[in-house]
Amino acid sequence: MIKSISAFFLAIAFSSSVYAWPEWVTHSPQYDDFIVGVGVGSDRIAARDAALSEIVAQLSVDYRVEQTQVLSTKNSHTESNFKQSSQMSSLPFTLEGVQELKAAHLNNESALLLGIKKSTLIANLANELAIVSRLSNPPSQPTQKFIWALHYGSTFDLANKRLRVLNLLGGDNTELSHQLESLMHERRQALDAMHCQVIASHELAAVKSALSSSLPQGGNTPLWVKANLKWKYANRGTQRLAQANLLLTITETQSPFRVLHQRNLVTEGAGSSAEMAKSIAMQQLETQVQAPISNWMFDN
């Protein structure tokens, strides 16, 4: 009888060991030369996505946690409701060189251990940050320096995020860091010196608001940003087409005919009526100008 019971528990222990995940799934391993992520999913694709998300979380430099606590009182009894949410931005570079280190399968689920060499990440980041060393110094003339600052805003922001990841990985970046810091300082000075006034019709109220939020208004040098909208209409079968042509012109207030920079934005809409088509084109235009100004104001 004792032998039977012992055999029974031995069989259970053997069964549990056979049908359990390996230790690297339940306890993520640490590597000196790899950034690794473990993912479990209904198939290999889902497992890979989960593992990649874990790698991205370790490399993310933009991670925000919001906490909310609500207290409510009812019949002299206080209840507390606590909520926490997190938001992580995407990586500021392409994740290349990911390797599959281990794989396992259990109960119709897949598990993957993915890794990327730290040396590969450092080399890729250094290559993508090379653009900073190729940037020219800003113009000395204040208004031209302002246009330069608008143009390279997203470039500097992206380079700064990449540099922060490089710091996280322990990459050598002293010279690059000083160069980028100097350029960003020049950019802040150029923006702080200007006071931009957006001039637009009532039809462009949303566009005007987006531009006013994106452009500096605290400096002593006044500039005009003029927004001029023209429409074109056409028919395509039973549909009406509307094309919005928005011309943005930046000038000095003292020399309004001297154009510092000009940009033409074109959006199109289609609908059963001209008003519907026009509304769609206007929505696209408003969405476009809400993006960082350096993304659409220049031919990058």
C-alpha atoms as a PDB file:
ATOM      1  CA  MET A   1       0.000   0.000   0.000  1.00  0.00           C
ATOM      2  CA  ILE A   2       2.847   2.377   0.963  1.00  0.00           C
ATOM      3  CA  LYS A   3       4.600   1.584  -2.289  1.00  0.00           C
ATOM      4  CA  SER A   4       1.412   2.364  -4.235  1.00  0.00           C
ATOM      5  CA  ILE A   5       1.019   5.758  -2.550  1.00  0.00           C
ATOM      6  CA  SER A   6       4.670   6.594  -3.142  1.00  0.00           C
ATOM      7  CA  ALA A   7       4.343   5.611  -6.780  1.00  0.00           C
ATOM      8  CA  PHE A   8       1.210   7.773  -7.076  1.00  0.00           C
ATOM      9  CA  PHE A   9       2.901  10.931  -5.745  1.00  0.00           C
ATOM     10  CA  LEU A  10       5.974  10.198  -7.827  1.00  0.00           C
ATOM     11  CA  ALA A  11       3.777  10.051 -10.914  1.00  0.00           C
ATOM     12  CA  ILE A  12       2.190  13.412  -9.999  1.00  0.00           C
ATOM     13  CA  ALA A  13       5.591  15.019  -9.454  1.00  0.00           C
ATOM     14  CA  PHE A  14       6.854  13.603 -12.756  1.00  0.00           C
ATOM     15  CA  SER A  15       3.714  14.811 -14.558  1.00  0.00           C
ATOM     16  CA  SER A  16       4.056  18.297 -13.069  1.00  0.00           C
ATOM     17  CA  SER A  17       7.693  18.548 -14.092  1.00  0.00           C
ATOM     18  CA  VAL A  18       6.932  17.428 -17.616  1.00  0.00           C
ATOM     19  CA  TYR A  19       4.037  19.825 -18.135  1.00  0.00           C
ATOM     20  CA  ALA A  20       5.507  22.928 -16.422  1.00  0.00           C
ATOM     21  CA  TRP A  21       7.133  25.898 -18.150  1.00  0.00           C
ATOM     22  CA  PRO A  22      10.920  25.944 -18.029  1.00  0.00           C
ATOM     23  CA  GLU A  23      12.436  28.308 -15.474  1.00  0.00           C
ATOM     24  CA  TRP A  24      13.400  30.975 -18.059  1.00  0.00           C
ATOM     25  CA  VAL A  25       9.664  31.526 -18.728  1.00  0.00           C
ATOM     26  CA  THR A  26       8.663  32.087 -15.103  1.00  0.00           C
ATOM     27  CA  HIS A  27      11.897  33.839 -14.064  1.00  0.00           C
ATOM     28  CA  SER A  28      13.288  36.066 -16.807  1.00  0.00           C
ATOM     29  CA  PRO A  29      17.037  35.441 -17.071  1.00  0.00           C
ATOM     30  CA  GLN A  30      19.668  38.181 -16.910  1.00  0.00           C
ATOM     31  CA  TYR A  31      22.476  38.518 -19.454  1.00  0.00           C
ATOM     32  CA  ASP A  32      25.454  40.861 -19.307  1.00  0.00           C
ATOM     33  CA  ASP A  33      25.606  41.366 -23.063  1.00  0.00           C
ATOM     34  CA  PHE A  34      21.893  41.065 -24.015  1.00  0.00           C
ATOM     35  CA  ILE A  35      18.672  42.945 -23.390  1.00  0.00           C
ATOM     36  CA  VAL A  36      16.104  40.140 -23.203  1.00  0.00           C
ATOM     37  CA  GLY A  37      12.351  39.772 -23.090  1.00  0.00           C
ATOM     38  CA  VAL A  38      10.102  36.781 -22.405  1.00  0.00           C
ATOM     39  CA  GLY A  39       6.697  36.503 -24.055  1.00  0.00           C
ATOM     40  CA  VAL A  40       3.883  33.966 -23.761  1.00  0.00           C
ATOM     41  CA  GLY A  41       0.945  33.845 -26.176  1.00  0.00           C
ATOM     42  CA  SER A  42      -1.549  31.708 -28.002  1.00  0.00           C
ATOM     43  CA  ASP A  43       0.950  31.250 -30.842  1.00  0.00           C
ATOM     44  CA  ARG A  44       4.506  32.195 -31.758  1.00  0.00           C
ATOM     45  CA  ILE A  45       3.458  35.542 -33.225  1.00  0.00           C
ATOM     46  CA  ALA A  46       1.662  36.589 -30.034  1.00  0.00           C
ATOM     47  CA  ALA A  47       4.576  35.359 -27.925  1.00  0.00           C
ATOM     48  CA  ARG A  48       7.048  37.297 -30.053  1.00  0.00           C
ATOM     49  CA  ASP A  49       4.980  40.483 -29.756  1.00  0.00           C
ATOM     50  CA  ALA A  50       4.853  40.088 -25.964  1.00  0.00           C
ATOM     51  CA  ALA A  51       8.614  39.504 -25.746  1.00  0.00           C
ATOM     52  CA  LEU A  52       9.339  42.507 -27.953  1.00  0.00           C
ATOM     53  CA  SER A  53       7.088  44.649 -25.747  1.00  0.00           C
ATOM     54  CA  GLU A  54       9.142  43.594 -22.737  1.00  0.00           C
ATOM     55  CA  ILE A  55      12.363  44.604 -24.502  1.00  0.00           C
ATOM     56  CA  VAL A  56      10.853  47.946 -25.532  1.00  0.00           C
ATOM     57  CA  ALA A  57       9.756  48.601 -21.933  1.00  0.00           C
ATOM     58  CA  GLN A  58      13.363  48.189 -20.751  1.00  0.00           C
ATOM     59  CA  LEU A  59      14.654  50.611 -23.397  1.00  0.00           C
ATOM     60  CA  SER A  60      11.879  53.178 -23.142  1.00  0.00           C
ATOM     61  CA  VAL A  61      12.926  56.588 -21.857  1.00  0.00           C
ATOM     62  CA  ASP A  62       9.412  58.047 -21.990  1.00  0.00           C
ATOM     63  CA  TYR A  63       7.316  56.232 -19.428  1.00  0.00           C
ATOM     64  CA  ARG A  64       4.502  57.980 -17.576  1.00  0.00           C
ATOM     65  CA  VAL A  65       2.401  56.682 -14.699  1.00  0.00           C
ATOM     66  CA  GLU A  66      -0.853  58.400 -13.712  1.00  0.00           C
ATOM     67  CA  GLN A  67      -2.445  57.692 -10.346  1.00  0.00           C
ATOM     68  CA  THR A  68      -5.943  58.717  -9.311  1.00  0.00           C
ATOM     69  CA  GLN A  69      -7.581  58.249  -5.917  1.00  0.00           C
ATOM     70  CA  VAL A  70     -11.273  59.041  -5.428  1.00  0.00           C
ATOM     71  CA  LEU A  71     -12.753  59.203  -1.918  1.00  0.00           C
ATOM     72  CA  SER A  72     -16.514  58.865  -1.512  1.00  0.00           C
ATOM     73  CA  THR A  73     -18.546  59.023   1.700  1.00  0.00           C
ATOM     74  CA  LYS A  74     -21.856  57.276   2.199  1.00  0.00           C
ATOM     75  CA  ASN A  75     -23.639  56.802   5.547  1.00  0.00           C
ATOM     76  CA  SER A  76     -20.526  57.931   7.429  1.00  0.00           C
ATOM     77  CA  HIS A  77     -18.491  55.272   5.596  1.00  0.00           C
ATOM     78  CA  THR A  78     -15.620  56.400   3.403  1.00  0.00           C
ATOM     79  CA  GLU A  79     -14.619  54.328   0.397  1.00  0.00           C
ATOM     80  CA  SER A  80     -11.420  54.766  -1.538  1.00  0.00           C
ATOM     81  CA  ASN A  81     -11.100  53.936  -5.230  1.00  0.00           C
ATOM     82  CA  PHE A  82      -7.538  53.867  -6.553  1.00  0.00           C
ATOM     83  CA  LYS A  83      -6.642  53.673 -10.236  1.00  0.00           C
ATOM     84  CA  GLN A  84      -3.269  53.593 -11.921  1.00  0.00           C
ATOM     85  CA  SER A  85      -2.517  53.735 -15.629  1.00  0.00           C
ATOM     86  CA  SER A  86       0.784  53.769 -17.469  1.00  0.00           C
ATOM     87  CA  GLN A  87       1.711  55.067 -20.884  1.00  0.00           C
ATOM     88  CA  MET A  88       4.867  54.225 -22.793  1.00  0.00           C
ATOM     89  CA  SER A  89       5.900  55.852 -26.050  1.00  0.00           C
ATOM     90  CA  SER A  90       7.398  53.898 -28.926  1.00  0.00           C
ATOM     91  CA  LEU A  91      11.156  53.620 -29.246  1.00  0.00           C
ATOM     92  CA  PRO A  92      12.926  56.510 -31.018  1.00  0.00           C
ATOM     93  CA  PHE A  93      14.822  54.070 -33.240  1.00  0.00           C
ATOM     94  CA  THR A  94      14.337  50.868 -35.217  1.00  0.00           C
ATOM     95  CA  LEU A  95      14.824  47.695 -33.174  1.00  0.00           C
ATOM     96  CA  GLU A  96      17.104  45.635 -35.417  1.00  0.00           C
ATOM     97  CA  GLY A  97      19.158  42.545 -34.636  1.00  0.00           C
ATOM     98  CA  VAL A  98      16.654  40.762 -32.364  1.00  0.00           C
ATOM     99  CA  GLN A  99      17.518  37.066 -31.874  1.00  0.00           C
ATOM    100  CA  GLU A 100      15.405  34.126 -30.726  1.00  0.00           C
ATOM    101  CA  LEU A 101      17.340  32.626 -27.822  1.00  0.00           C
ATOM    102  CA  LYS A 102      14.897  30.002 -26.518  1.00  0.00           C
ATOM    103  CA  ALA A 103      11.424  28.622 -27.259  1.00  0.00           C
ATOM    104  CA  ALA A 104       8.913  26.414 -25.441  1.00  0.00           C
ATOM    105  CA  HIS A 105       5.365  25.153 -25.952  1.00  0.00           C
ATOM    106  CA  LEU A 106       2.819  24.150 -23.308  1.00  0.00           C
ATOM    107  CA  ASN A 107      -0.950  23.556 -23.404  1.00  0.00           C
ATOM    108  CA  ASN A 108      -1.490  25.224 -26.776  1.00  0.00           C
ATOM    109  CA  GLU A 109       0.595  28.229 -25.732  1.00  0.00           C
ATOM    110  CA  SER A 110       3.992  29.337 -26.971  1.00  0.00           C
ATOM    111  CA  ALA A 111       6.799  31.038 -25.077  1.00  0.00           C
ATOM    112  CA  LEU A 112       9.787  32.817 -26.594  1.00  0.00           C
ATOM    113  CA  LEU A 113      12.929  34.317 -25.132  1.00  0.00           C
ATOM    114  CA  LEU A 114      14.153  37.089 -27.421  1.00  0.00           C
ATOM    115  CA  GLY A 115      17.330  39.076 -27.020  1.00  0.00           C
ATOM    116  CA  ILE A 116      19.287  41.842 -28.695  1.00  0.00           C
ATOM    117  CA  LYS A 117      22.969  42.439 -28.073  1.00  0.00           C
ATOM    118  CA  LYS A 118      23.769  45.655 -26.230  1.00  0.00           C
ATOM    119  CA  SER A 119      26.688  46.195 -28.604  1.00  0.00           C
ATOM    120  CA  THR A 120      24.272  46.013 -31.564  1.00  0.00           C
ATOM    121  CA  LEU A 121      21.945  48.562 -29.961  1.00  0.00           C
ATOM    122  CA  ILE A 122      24.835  50.917 -29.215  1.00  0.00           C
ATOM    123  CA  ALA A 123      26.154  50.641 -32.788  1.00  0.00           C
ATOM    124  CA  ASN A 124      22.677  51.244 -34.294  1.00  0.00           C
ATOM    125  CA  LEU A 125      22.056  54.257 -32.060  1.00  0.00           C
ATOM    126  CA  ALA A 126      25.467  55.749 -32.826  1.00  0.00           C
ATOM    127  CA  ASN A 127      24.748  55.345 -36.544  1.00  0.00           C
ATOM    128  CA  GLU A 128      21.346  57.051 -36.281  1.00  0.00           C
ATOM    129  CA  LEU A 129      22.809  59.852 -34.140  1.00  0.00           C
ATOM    130  CA  ALA A 130      25.447  60.626 -36.790  1.00  0.00           C
ATOM    131  CA  ILE A 131      22.988  63.128 -38.293  1.00  0.00           C
ATOM    132  CA  VAL A 132      23.755  65.498 -35.400  1.00  0.00           C
ATOM    133  CA  SER A 133      27.398  65.857 -36.450  1.00  0.00           C
ATOM    134  CA  ARG A 134      26.263  66.650 -40.015  1.00  0.00           C
ATOM    135  CA  LEU A 135      23.972  69.523 -39.021  1.00  0.00           C
ATOM    136  CA  SER A 136      25.231  72.989 -39.900  1.00  0.00           C
ATOM    137  CA  ASN A 137      25.501  75.736 -37.322  1.00  0.00           C
ATOM    138  CA  PRO A 138      22.481  78.071 -37.096  1.00  0.00           C
ATOM    139  CA  PRO A 139      22.458  81.334 -39.086  1.00  0.00           C
ATOM    140  CA  SER A 140      23.525  84.427 -37.179  1.00  0.00           C
ATOM    141  CA  GLN A 141      20.580  86.540 -38.372  1.00  0.00           C
ATOM    142  CA  PRO A 142      17.805  86.172 -35.708  1.00  0.00           C
ATOM    143  CA  THR A 143      14.827  85.597 -38.015  1.00  0.00           C
ATOM    144  CA  GLN A 144      16.713  83.089 -40.177  1.00  0.00           C
ATOM    145  CA  LYS A 145      17.893  81.397 -36.991  1.00  0.00           C
ATOM    146  CA  PHE A 146      14.244  81.119 -35.973  1.00  0.00           C
ATOM    147  CA  ILE A 147      13.372  79.333 -39.245  1.00  0.00           C
ATOM    148  CA  TRP A 148      16.336  77.007 -38.618  1.00  0.00           C
ATOM    149  CA  ALA A 149      14.992  76.307 -35.116  1.00  0.00           C
ATOM    150  CA  LEU A 150      11.540  75.435 -36.473  1.00  0.00           C
ATOM    151  CA  HIS A 151      13.030  73.196 -39.144  1.00  0.00           C
ATOM    152  CA  TYR A 152      15.129  71.018 -36.865  1.00  0.00           C
ATOM    153  CA  GLY A 153      12.844  70.819 -33.836  1.00  0.00           C
ATOM    154  CA  SER A 154      11.808  67.191 -34.350  1.00  0.00           C
ATOM    155  CA  THR A 155      15.350  66.232 -35.373  1.00  0.00           C
ATOM    156  CA  PHE A 156      16.728  67.499 -32.065  1.00  0.00           C
ATOM    157  CA  ASP A 157      13.923  65.931 -30.009  1.00  0.00           C
ATOM    158  CA  LEU A 158      14.460  62.542 -31.656  1.00  0.00           C
ATOM    159  CA  ALA A 159      18.229  62.753 -31.269  1.00  0.00           C
ATOM    160  CA  ASN A 160      17.828  63.645 -27.585  1.00  0.00           C
ATOM    161  CA  LYS A 161      15.638  60.566 -26.982  1.00  0.00           C
ATOM    162  CA  ARG A 162      18.142  58.344 -28.779  1.00  0.00           C
ATOM    163  CA  LEU A 163      20.956  59.821 -26.730  1.00  0.00           C
ATOM    164  CA  ARG A 164      19.090  59.048 -23.499  1.00  0.00           C
ATOM    165  CA  VAL A 165      18.785  55.389 -24.547  1.00  0.00           C
ATOM    166  CA  LEU A 166      22.480  55.368 -25.409  1.00  0.00           C
ATOM    167  CA  ASN A 167      23.209  56.683 -21.906  1.00  0.00           C
ATOM    168  CA  LEU A 168      21.030  53.903 -20.501  1.00  0.00           C
ATOM    169  CA  LEU A 169      23.166  51.335 -22.307  1.00  0.00           C
ATOM    170  CA  GLY A 170      26.444  52.901 -21.223  1.00  0.00           C
ATOM    171  CA  GLY A 171      27.542  53.991 -24.697  1.00  0.00           C
ATOM    172  CA  ASP A 172      30.375  56.508 -25.154  1.00  0.00           C
ATOM    173  CA  ASN A 173      28.674  59.777 -26.161  1.00  0.00           C
ATOM    174  CA  THR A 174      30.420  62.678 -24.396  1.00  0.00           C
ATOM    175  CA  GLU A 175      31.331  64.611 -27.546  1.00  0.00           C
ATOM    176  CA  LEU A 176      27.941  63.980 -29.162  1.00  0.00           C
ATOM    177  CA  SER A 177      26.130  64.981 -25.988  1.00  0.00           C
ATOM    178  CA  HIS A 178      27.947  68.309 -25.831  1.00  0.00           C
ATOM    179  CA  GLN A 179      27.261  68.994 -29.506  1.00  0.00           C
ATOM    180  CA  LEU A 180      23.559  68.243 -29.210  1.00  0.00           C
ATOM    181  CA  GLU A 181      23.254  70.257 -26.005  1.00  0.00           C
ATOM    182  CA  SER A 182      24.830  73.247 -27.756  1.00  0.00           C
ATOM    183  CA  LEU A 183      22.487  73.000 -30.759  1.00  0.00           C
ATOM    184  CA  MET A 184      19.406  72.655 -28.547  1.00  0.00           C
ATOM    185  CA  HIS A 185      20.524  75.694 -26.554  1.00  0.00           C
ATOM    186  CA  GLU A 186      20.818  77.693 -29.791  1.00  0.00           C
ATOM    187  CA  ARG A 187      17.350  76.516 -30.778  1.00  0.00           C
ATOM    188  CA  ARG A 188      15.780  77.598 -27.482  1.00  0.00           C
ATOM    189  CA  GLN A 189      17.389  81.024 -27.802  1.00  0.00           C
ATOM    190  CA  ALA A 190      16.054  81.439 -31.345  1.00  0.00           C
ATOM    191  CA  LEU A 191      12.504  80.490 -30.352  1.00  0.00           C
ATOM    192  CA  ASP A 192      12.492  82.573 -27.163  1.00  0.00           C
ATOM    193  CA  ALA A 193      13.426  85.692 -29.129  1.00  0.00           C
ATOM    194  CA  MET A 194      10.294  85.636 -31.330  1.00  0.00           C
ATOM    195  CA  HIS A 195       6.678  86.712 -30.883  1.00  0.00           C
ATOM    196  CA  CYS A 196       4.523  85.099 -33.587  1.00  0.00           C
ATOM    197  CA  GLN A 197       1.067  86.419 -34.412  1.00  0.00           C
ATOM    198  CA  VAL A 198      -1.100  84.132 -36.541  1.00  0.00           C
ATOM    199  CA  ILE A 199      -3.384  85.943 -38.972  1.00  0.00           C
ATOM    200  CA  ALA A 200      -6.241  83.834 -40.329  1.00  0.00           C
ATOM    201  CA  SER A 201      -9.926  84.010 -41.214  1.00  0.00           C
ATOM    202  CA  HIS A 202     -12.707  82.724 -38.957  1.00  0.00           C
ATOM    203  CA  GLU A 203     -12.950  79.619 -41.158  1.00  0.00           C
ATOM    204  CA  LEU A 204      -9.429  78.702 -40.030  1.00  0.00           C
ATOM    205  CA  ALA A 205     -10.093  79.111 -36.294  1.00  0.00           C
ATOM    206  CA  ALA A 206      -8.910  75.566 -35.452  1.00  0.00           C
ATOM    207  CA  VAL A 207      -5.823  75.925 -37.649  1.00  0.00           C
ATOM    208  CA  LYS A 208      -5.038  79.298 -36.064  1.00  0.00           C
ATOM    209  CA  SER A 209      -5.357  77.797 -32.580  1.00  0.00           C
ATOM    210  CA  ALA A 210      -3.009  74.906 -33.431  1.00  0.00           C
ATOM    211  CA  LEU A 211      -0.423  77.240 -34.950  1.00  0.00           C
ATOM    212  CA  SER A 212      -0.605  79.658 -32.027  1.00  0.00           C
ATOM    213  CA  SER A 213       0.043  76.786 -29.627  1.00  0.00           C
ATOM    214  CA  SER A 214       3.043  75.569 -31.638  1.00  0.00           C
ATOM    215  CA  LEU A 215       4.736  78.927 -32.227  1.00  0.00           C
ATOM    216  CA  PRO A 216       6.539  81.089 -29.645  1.00  0.00           C
ATOM    217  CA  GLN A 217       4.831  84.235 -28.421  1.00  0.00           C
ATOM    218  CA  GLY A 218       7.039  85.457 -25.578  1.00  0.00           C
ATOM    219  CA  GLY A 219       9.884  87.156 -27.452  1.00  0.00           C
ATOM    220  CA  ASN A 220      10.534  90.757 -28.456  1.00  0.00           C
ATOM    221  CA  THR A 221      10.854  90.263 -32.211  1.00  0.00           C
ATOM    222  CA  PRO A 222       7.380  90.290 -33.830  1.00  0.00           C
ATOM    223  CA  LEU A 223       6.602  88.042 -36.782  1.00  0.00           C
ATOM    224  CA  TRP A 224       3.442  87.469 -38.779  1.00  0.00           C
ATOM    225  CA  VAL A 225       2.277  84.006 -39.777  1.00  0.00           C
ATOM    226  CA  LYS A 226      -0.357  84.514 -42.445  1.00  0.00           C
ATOM    227  CA  ALA A 227      -2.755  81.688 -43.340  1.00  0.00           C
ATOM    228  CA  ASN A 228      -4.574  82.010 -46.663  1.00  0.00           C
ATOM    229  CA  LEU A 229      -7.061  79.299 -47.690  1.00  0.00           C
ATOM    230  CA  LYS A 230      -8.425  78.657 -51.186  1.00  0.00           C
ATOM    231  CA  TRP A 231     -10.852  75.962 -52.329  1.00  0.00           C
ATOM    232  CA  LYS A 232     -11.245  73.966 -55.535  1.00  0.00           C
ATOM    233  CA  TYR A 233     -14.248  71.770 -56.337  1.00  0.00           C
ATOM    234  CA  ALA A 234     -14.874  68.981 -58.847  1.00  0.00           C
ATOM    235  CA  ASN A 235     -17.216  66.090 -59.587  1.00  0.00           C
ATOM    236  CA  ARG A 236     -16.332  62.403 -59.778  1.00  0.00           C
ATOM    237  CA  GLY A 237     -19.375  60.380 -60.746  1.00  0.00           C
ATOM    238  CA  THR A 238     -21.984  60.986 -58.067  1.00  0.00           C
ATOM    239  CA  GLN A 239     -19.424  62.309 -55.592  1.00  0.00           C
ATOM    240  CA  ARG A 240     -18.339  65.868 -54.941  1.00  0.00           C
ATOM    241  CA  LEU A 241     -14.659  66.602 -54.413  1.00  0.00           C
ATOM    242  CA  ALA A 242     -13.162  69.464 -52.441  1.00  0.00           C
ATOM    243  CA  GLN A 243      -9.507  70.465 -52.329  1.00  0.00           C
ATOM    244  CA  ALA A 244      -8.145  72.783 -49.641  1.00  0.00           C
ATOM    245  CA  ASN A 245      -5.035  74.803 -50.472  1.00  0.00           C
ATOM    246  CA  LEU A 246      -3.573  76.468 -47.383  1.00  0.00           C
ATOM    247  CA  LEU A 247      -0.702  78.885 -47.951  1.00  0.00           C
ATOM    248  CA  LEU A 248       1.292  79.730 -44.817  1.00  0.00           C
ATOM    249  CA  THR A 249       3.682  82.672 -45.006  1.00  0.00           C
ATOM    250  CA  ILE A 250       6.063  83.850 -42.285  1.00  0.00           C
ATOM    251  CA  THR A 251       7.170  87.493 -42.568  1.00  0.00           C
ATOM    252  CA  GLU A 252       8.600  90.254 -40.441  1.00  0.00           C
ATOM    253  CA  THR A 253       6.033  92.815 -39.332  1.00  0.00           C
ATOM    254  CA  GLN A 254       8.357  95.661 -40.323  1.00  0.00           C
ATOM    255  CA  SER A 255       8.944  94.138 -43.765  1.00  0.00           C
ATOM    256  CA  PRO A 256       5.722  92.243 -44.536  1.00  0.00           C
ATOM    257  CA  PHE A 257       6.674  91.624 -48.177  1.00  0.00           C
ATOM    258  CA  ARG A 258       9.957  89.980 -47.225  1.00  0.00           C
ATOM    259  CA  VAL A 259       9.088  86.295 -46.965  1.00  0.00           C
ATOM    260  CA  LEU A 260      11.112  84.329 -44.434  1.00  0.00           C
ATOM    261  CA  HIS A 261       9.423  81.008 -45.172  1.00  0.00           C
ATOM    262  CA  GLN A 262       6.422  79.763 -47.096  1.00  0.00           C
ATOM    263  CA  ARG A 263       4.586  76.462 -47.139  1.00  0.00           C
ATOM    264  CA  ASN A 264       1.591  75.217 -49.114  1.00  0.00           C
ATOM    265  CA  LEU A 265      -0.544  72.430 -47.619  1.00  0.00           C
ATOM    266  CA  VAL A 266      -3.064  70.542 -49.752  1.00  0.00           C
ATOM    267  CA  THR A 267      -5.779  68.192 -48.508  1.00  0.00           C
ATOM    268  CA  GLU A 268      -8.748  66.637 -50.302  1.00  0.00           C
ATOM    269  CA  GLY A 269     -12.146  65.355 -49.312  1.00  0.00           C
ATOM    270  CA  ALA A 270     -14.938  63.451 -51.085  1.00  0.00           C
ATOM    271  CA  GLY A 271     -18.603  63.150 -50.182  1.00  0.00           C
ATOM    272  CA  SER A 272     -22.165  63.160 -51.376  1.00  0.00           C
ATOM    273  CA  SER A 273     -22.230  66.961 -51.183  1.00  0.00           C
ATOM    274  CA  ALA A 274     -19.740  69.789 -51.534  1.00  0.00           C
ATOM    275  CA  GLU A 275     -20.163  70.686 -47.861  1.00  0.00           C
ATOM    276  CA  MET A 276     -19.380  67.134 -46.757  1.00  0.00           C
ATOM    277  CA  ALA A 277     -16.310  66.982 -48.995  1.00  0.00           C
ATOM    278  CA  LYS A 278     -15.196  70.382 -47.720  1.00  0.00           C
ATOM    279  CA  SER A 279     -15.641  69.290 -44.092  1.00  0.00           C
ATOM    280  CA  ILE A 280     -13.494  66.173 -44.629  1.00  0.00           C
ATOM    281  CA  ALA A 281     -10.718  68.179 -46.314  1.00  0.00           C
ATOM    282  CA  MET A 282     -10.784  70.723 -43.471  1.00  0.00           C
ATOM    283  CA  GLN A 283     -10.552  67.964 -40.833  1.00  0.00           C
ATOM    284  CA  GLN A 284      -7.485  66.542 -42.588  1.00  0.00           C
ATOM    285  CA  LEU A 285      -5.929  70.001 -42.674  1.00  0.00           C
ATOM    286  CA  GLU A 286      -6.561  70.565 -38.964  1.00  0.00           C
ATOM    287  CA  THR A 287      -5.104  67.151 -38.112  1.00  0.00           C
ATOM    288  CA  GLN A 288      -1.974  67.882 -40.130  1.00  0.00           C
ATOM    289  CA  VAL A 289      -1.170  71.191 -38.433  1.00  0.00           C
ATOM    290  CA  GLN A 290      -1.634  69.638 -34.973  1.00  0.00           C
ATOM    291  CA  ALA A 291       1.493  67.533 -35.559  1.00  0.00           C
ATOM    292  CA  PRO A 292       4.911  68.993 -34.590  1.00  0.00           C
ATOM    293  CA  ILE A 293       5.491  71.940 -36.897  1.00  0.00           C
ATOM    294  CA  SER A 294       8.844  70.682 -38.185  1.00  0.00           C
ATOM    295  CA  ASN A 295       7.107  67.542 -39.491  1.00  0.00           C
ATOM    296  CA  TRP A 296       5.033  69.384 -42.090  1.00  0.00           C
ATOM    297  CA  MET A 297       6.330  72.951 -42.496  1.00  0.00           C
ATOM    298  CA  PHE A 298       9.457  71.892 -44.374  1.00  0.00           C
ATOM    299  CA  ASP A 299      10.615  69.476 -47.078  1.00  0.00           C
ATOM    300  CA  ASN A 300      12.669  67.257 -44.779  1.00  0.00           C
END
